Amino acid sequence: MKVIYDLDVLKPHEPGNDLIARSLKSIEGVKYVAIKIDEIDNVTTSVFITIQGTGDLELDDIKEKLEELNCALHSVDKVYIYDDDWLTDNGP
């Protein structure tokens, strides 16, 4: 089973996106992390984060890691959960 989360996250300028991506990638079950900047102000940055992984990937683990990095999860914009063989004929 595959899992994809699209997240809207508010973060301080530091740590940088690369450190956040590497930290999220270290969570068991995570196979892919992408971060896209949405908006930057004087103190914070709004980002969209896509995390893909295996069926044992839990949103609670992602939220915990984000909190350790002083990031706030604003919303879970999309969740995809599908069987490994489903993409051969379809797509999210």
N, C-alpha and C. Protein backbone atom coordinates (compact mmCIF):
# COMPACT_ATOMS: atom_id res chain seq x y z
N MET A 1 0.84 -1.18 0.00
CA MET A 1 0.00 0.00 0.00
C MET A 1 0.89 1.25 0.00
N LYS A 2 0.49 2.25 -0.75
CA LYS A 2 1.19 3.53 -0.82
C LYS A 2 0.34 4.62 -0.19
N VAL A 3 1.01 5.61 0.40
CA VAL A 3 0.34 6.73 1.05
C VAL A 3 1.00 8.03 0.60
N ILE A 4 0.17 9.04 0.28
CA ILE A 4 0.69 10.36 -0.07
C ILE A 4 -0.10 11.39 0.74
N TYR A 5 0.64 12.29 1.40
CA TYR A 5 0.03 13.40 2.12
C TYR A 5 0.48 14.71 1.47
N ASP A 6 -0.47 15.60 1.21
CA ASP A 6 -0.18 16.98 0.81
C ASP A 6 -0.53 17.87 1.99
N LEU A 7 0.47 18.55 2.54
CA LEU A 7 0.32 19.30 3.78
C LEU A 7 0.57 20.79 3.56
N ASP A 8 -0.15 21.62 4.28
CA ASP A 8 0.07 23.06 4.33
C ASP A 8 0.70 23.34 5.70
N VAL A 9 1.93 23.86 5.71
CA VAL A 9 2.71 24.00 6.94
C VAL A 9 3.24 25.42 7.06
N LEU A 10 3.20 25.95 8.29
CA LEU A 10 3.82 27.24 8.61
C LEU A 10 5.09 26.95 9.38
N LYS A 11 6.22 27.53 8.93
CA LYS A 11 7.51 27.26 9.56
C LYS A 11 8.27 28.57 9.77
N PRO A 12 9.18 28.59 10.74
CA PRO A 12 10.09 29.73 10.85
C PRO A 12 11.08 29.69 9.69
N HIS A 13 11.78 30.79 9.45
CA HIS A 13 12.76 30.79 8.35
C HIS A 13 13.84 29.74 8.56
N GLU A 14 14.21 29.51 9.81
CA GLU A 14 15.17 28.45 10.13
C GLU A 14 14.49 27.45 11.04
N PRO A 15 14.62 26.20 10.81
CA PRO A 15 15.53 25.54 9.87
C PRO A 15 15.07 25.69 8.43
N GLY A 16 16.02 25.53 7.52
CA GLY A 16 15.74 25.64 6.10
C GLY A 16 14.95 24.46 5.58
N ASN A 17 14.42 24.63 4.39
CA ASN A 17 13.61 23.57 3.76
C ASN A 17 14.38 22.27 3.57
N ASP A 18 15.67 22.38 3.28
CA ASP A 18 16.46 21.16 3.08
C ASP A 18 16.55 20.34 4.36
N LEU A 19 16.75 20.99 5.50
CA LEU A 19 16.82 20.27 6.77
C LEU A 19 15.46 19.67 7.12
N ILE A 20 14.40 20.40 6.87
CA ILE A 20 13.06 19.87 7.14
C ILE A 20 12.80 18.65 6.26
N ALA A 21 13.14 18.74 4.99
CA ALA A 21 12.93 17.61 4.07
C ALA A 21 13.73 16.39 4.53
N ARG A 22 14.98 16.60 4.90
CA ARG A 22 15.82 15.48 5.36
C ARG A 22 15.27 14.87 6.66
N SER A 23 14.78 15.72 7.55
CA SER A 23 14.22 15.23 8.82
C SER A 23 12.96 14.42 8.57
N LEU A 24 12.09 14.90 7.69
CA LEU A 24 10.88 14.15 7.37
C LEU A 24 11.22 12.85 6.66
N LYS A 25 12.24 12.87 5.82
CA LYS A 25 12.65 11.66 5.10
C LYS A 25 13.15 10.58 6.06
N SER A 26 13.63 10.98 7.24
CA SER A 26 14.15 10.02 8.21
C SER A 26 13.04 9.24 8.92
N ILE A 27 11.79 9.64 8.76
CA ILE A 27 10.67 8.93 9.39
C ILE A 27 10.51 7.57 8.70
N GLU A 28 10.32 6.54 9.51
CA GLU A 28 10.15 5.20 8.96
C GLU A 28 8.96 5.16 8.00
N GLY A 29 9.20 4.62 6.82
CA GLY A 29 8.15 4.49 5.81
C GLY A 29 8.14 5.60 4.78
N VAL A 30 8.84 6.73 5.03
CA VAL A 30 8.87 7.83 4.07
C VAL A 30 9.85 7.51 2.96
N LYS A 31 9.40 7.65 1.72
CA LYS A 31 10.23 7.38 0.55
C LYS A 31 10.53 8.64 -0.25
N TYR A 32 9.72 9.70 -0.08
CA TYR A 32 9.85 10.90 -0.92
C TYR A 32 9.30 12.09 -0.16
N VAL A 33 10.01 13.22 -0.22
CA VAL A 33 9.56 14.47 0.38
C VAL A 33 9.82 15.59 -0.61
N ALA A 34 8.81 16.44 -0.84
CA ALA A 34 8.97 17.64 -1.67
C ALA A 34 8.39 18.82 -0.90
N ILE A 35 9.12 19.94 -0.94
CA ILE A 35 8.67 21.16 -0.27
C ILE A 35 8.63 22.29 -1.28
N LYS A 36 7.50 23.00 -1.31
CA LYS A 36 7.33 24.15 -2.20
C LYS A 36 6.93 25.35 -1.36
N ILE A 37 7.63 26.46 -1.54
CA ILE A 37 7.32 27.68 -0.81
C ILE A 37 6.06 28.30 -1.38
N ASP A 38 5.17 28.70 -0.46
CA ASP A 38 3.94 29.38 -0.86
C ASP A 38 4.07 30.89 -0.62
N GLU A 39 4.48 31.26 0.59
CA GLU A 39 4.53 32.68 0.95
C GLU A 39 5.59 32.89 2.04
N ILE A 40 6.28 34.03 1.98
CA ILE A 40 7.30 34.37 2.97
C ILE A 40 6.96 35.74 3.56
N ASP A 41 7.02 35.84 4.91
CA ASP A 41 6.90 37.14 5.54
C ASP A 41 8.15 37.40 6.37
N ASN A 42 8.11 38.36 7.27
CA ASN A 42 9.30 38.73 8.03
C ASN A 42 9.78 37.64 8.99
N VAL A 43 8.87 36.80 9.46
CA VAL A 43 9.22 35.84 10.50
C VAL A 43 9.01 34.39 10.06
N THR A 44 8.03 34.15 9.21
CA THR A 44 7.66 32.78 8.88
C THR A 44 7.60 32.55 7.37
N THR A 45 7.53 31.28 7.02
CA THR A 45 7.37 30.85 5.64
C THR A 45 6.24 29.82 5.59
N SER A 46 5.31 30.01 4.67
CA SER A 46 4.27 29.02 4.43
C SER A 46 4.76 28.10 3.31
N VAL A 47 4.66 26.80 3.55
CA VAL A 47 5.13 25.84 2.56
C VAL A 47 4.09 24.75 2.35
N PHE A 48 4.14 24.16 1.17
CA PHE A 48 3.37 22.96 0.87
C PHE A 48 4.35 21.80 0.87
N ILE A 49 4.00 20.75 1.60
CA ILE A 49 4.87 19.59 1.70
C ILE A 49 4.11 18.37 1.19
N THR A 50 4.75 17.64 0.28
CA THR A 50 4.22 16.36 -0.18
C THR A 50 5.12 15.27 0.36
N ILE A 51 4.49 14.30 1.02
CA ILE A 51 5.22 13.17 1.59
C ILE A 51 4.61 11.90 1.04
N GLN A 52 5.46 11.05 0.47
CA GLN A 52 5.00 9.76 -0.05
C GLN A 52 5.71 8.65 0.70
N GLY A 53 4.98 7.58 0.95
CA GLY A 53 5.59 6.47 1.65
C GLY A 53 4.78 5.21 1.56
N THR A 54 5.15 4.29 2.41
CA THR A 54 4.50 2.99 2.44
C THR A 54 3.34 3.01 3.42
N GLY A 55 2.56 1.95 3.42
CA GLY A 55 1.34 1.88 4.21
C GLY A 55 1.52 2.06 5.71
N ASP A 56 2.74 1.84 6.23
CA ASP A 56 2.95 2.02 7.67
C ASP A 56 3.25 3.47 8.04
N LEU A 57 3.24 4.38 7.09
CA LEU A 57 3.48 5.81 7.35
C LEU A 57 2.25 6.41 8.04
N GLU A 58 2.47 7.04 9.19
CA GLU A 58 1.39 7.60 9.99
C GLU A 58 1.48 9.12 10.05
N LEU A 59 0.34 9.78 9.92
CA LEU A 59 0.30 11.23 9.99
C LEU A 59 0.79 11.74 11.35
N ASP A 60 0.52 11.00 12.42
CA ASP A 60 0.98 11.42 13.76
C ASP A 60 2.50 11.51 13.83
N ASP A 61 3.20 10.61 13.16
CA ASP A 61 4.67 10.66 13.13
C ASP A 61 5.16 11.90 12.40
N ILE A 62 4.48 12.25 11.32
CA ILE A 62 4.84 13.45 10.55
C ILE A 62 4.59 14.69 11.40
N LYS A 63 3.43 14.76 12.05
CA LYS A 63 3.11 15.92 12.90
C LYS A 63 4.12 16.08 14.03
N GLU A 64 4.52 14.97 14.64
CA GLU A 64 5.49 15.01 15.72
C GLU A 64 6.83 15.56 15.24
N LYS A 65 7.28 15.10 14.07
CA LYS A 65 8.56 15.57 13.52
C LYS A 65 8.48 17.05 13.20
N LEU A 66 7.37 17.50 12.61
CA LEU A 66 7.20 18.93 12.30
C LEU A 66 7.24 19.77 13.57
N GLU A 67 6.59 19.31 14.62
CA GLU A 67 6.60 20.05 15.89
C GLU A 67 8.00 20.13 16.47
N GLU A 68 8.79 19.08 16.34
CA GLU A 68 10.19 19.10 16.80
C GLU A 68 10.98 20.19 16.08
N LEU A 69 10.58 20.50 14.84
CA LEU A 69 11.27 21.50 14.02
C LEU A 69 10.61 22.88 14.12
N ASN A 70 9.72 23.04 15.11
CA ASN A 70 8.99 24.31 15.34
C ASN A 70 8.11 24.70 14.16
N CYS A 71 7.56 23.71 13.50
CA CYS A 71 6.64 23.94 12.38
C CYS A 71 5.23 23.61 12.82
N ALA A 72 4.24 24.32 12.24
CA ALA A 72 2.84 24.10 12.57
C ALA A 72 2.11 23.56 11.34
N LEU A 73 1.45 22.42 11.52
CA LEU A 73 0.65 21.86 10.44
C LEU A 73 -0.67 22.61 10.39
N HIS A 74 -0.88 23.37 9.30
CA HIS A 74 -2.13 24.12 9.13
C HIS A 74 -3.26 23.22 8.67
N SER A 75 -2.98 22.39 7.67
CA SER A 75 -4.03 21.52 7.15
C SER A 75 -3.43 20.35 6.38
N VAL A 76 -4.23 19.31 6.30
CA VAL A 76 -3.92 18.16 5.44
C VAL A 76 -4.81 18.36 4.22
N ASP A 77 -4.21 18.83 3.13
CA ASP A 77 -5.00 19.21 1.96
C ASP A 77 -5.45 18.03 1.12
N LYS A 78 -4.64 16.98 1.05
CA LYS A 78 -5.01 15.78 0.31
C LYS A 78 -4.37 14.57 0.97
N VAL A 79 -5.07 13.45 0.87
CA VAL A 79 -4.53 12.16 1.29
C VAL A 79 -4.85 11.16 0.20
N TYR A 80 -3.84 10.47 -0.27
CA TYR A 80 -4.02 9.37 -1.21
C TYR A 80 -3.57 8.09 -0.51
N ILE A 81 -4.39 7.06 -0.58
CA ILE A 81 -4.00 5.74 -0.08
C ILE A 81 -4.44 4.75 -1.15
N TYR A 82 -3.49 3.97 -1.66
CA TYR A 82 -3.83 3.06 -2.75
C TYR A 82 -2.91 1.84 -2.73
N ASP A 83 -3.38 0.78 -3.37
CA ASP A 83 -2.59 -0.44 -3.49
C ASP A 83 -1.47 -0.24 -4.49
N ASP A 84 -0.38 -0.96 -4.29
CA ASP A 84 0.80 -0.83 -5.15
C ASP A 84 0.48 -1.06 -6.62
N ASP A 85 -0.36 -2.01 -6.93
CA ASP A 85 -0.64 -2.34 -8.32
C ASP A 85 -1.71 -1.46 -8.96
N TRP A 86 -2.35 -0.61 -8.20
CA TRP A 86 -3.43 0.22 -8.72
C TRP A 86 -2.94 1.23 -9.75
N LEU A 87 -1.73 1.76 -9.59
CA LEU A 87 -1.22 2.78 -10.50
C LEU A 87 -0.91 2.27 -11.89
N THR A 88 -0.87 0.99 -12.08
CA THR A 88 -0.62 0.48 -13.43
C THR A 88 -1.73 0.85 -14.38
N ASP A 89 -2.94 1.01 -13.86
CA ASP A 89 -4.09 1.35 -14.69
C ASP A 89 -4.70 2.70 -14.37
N ASN A 90 -4.30 3.30 -13.26
CA ASN A 90 -4.93 4.52 -12.78
C ASN A 90 -3.85 5.48 -12.28
N GLY A 91 -4.26 6.51 -11.59
CA GLY A 91 -3.30 7.42 -10.99
C GLY A 91 -3.99 8.37 -10.04
N PRO A 92 -3.25 8.86 -9.04
CA PRO A 92 -3.85 9.79 -8.08
C PRO A 92 -4.09 11.15 -8.72
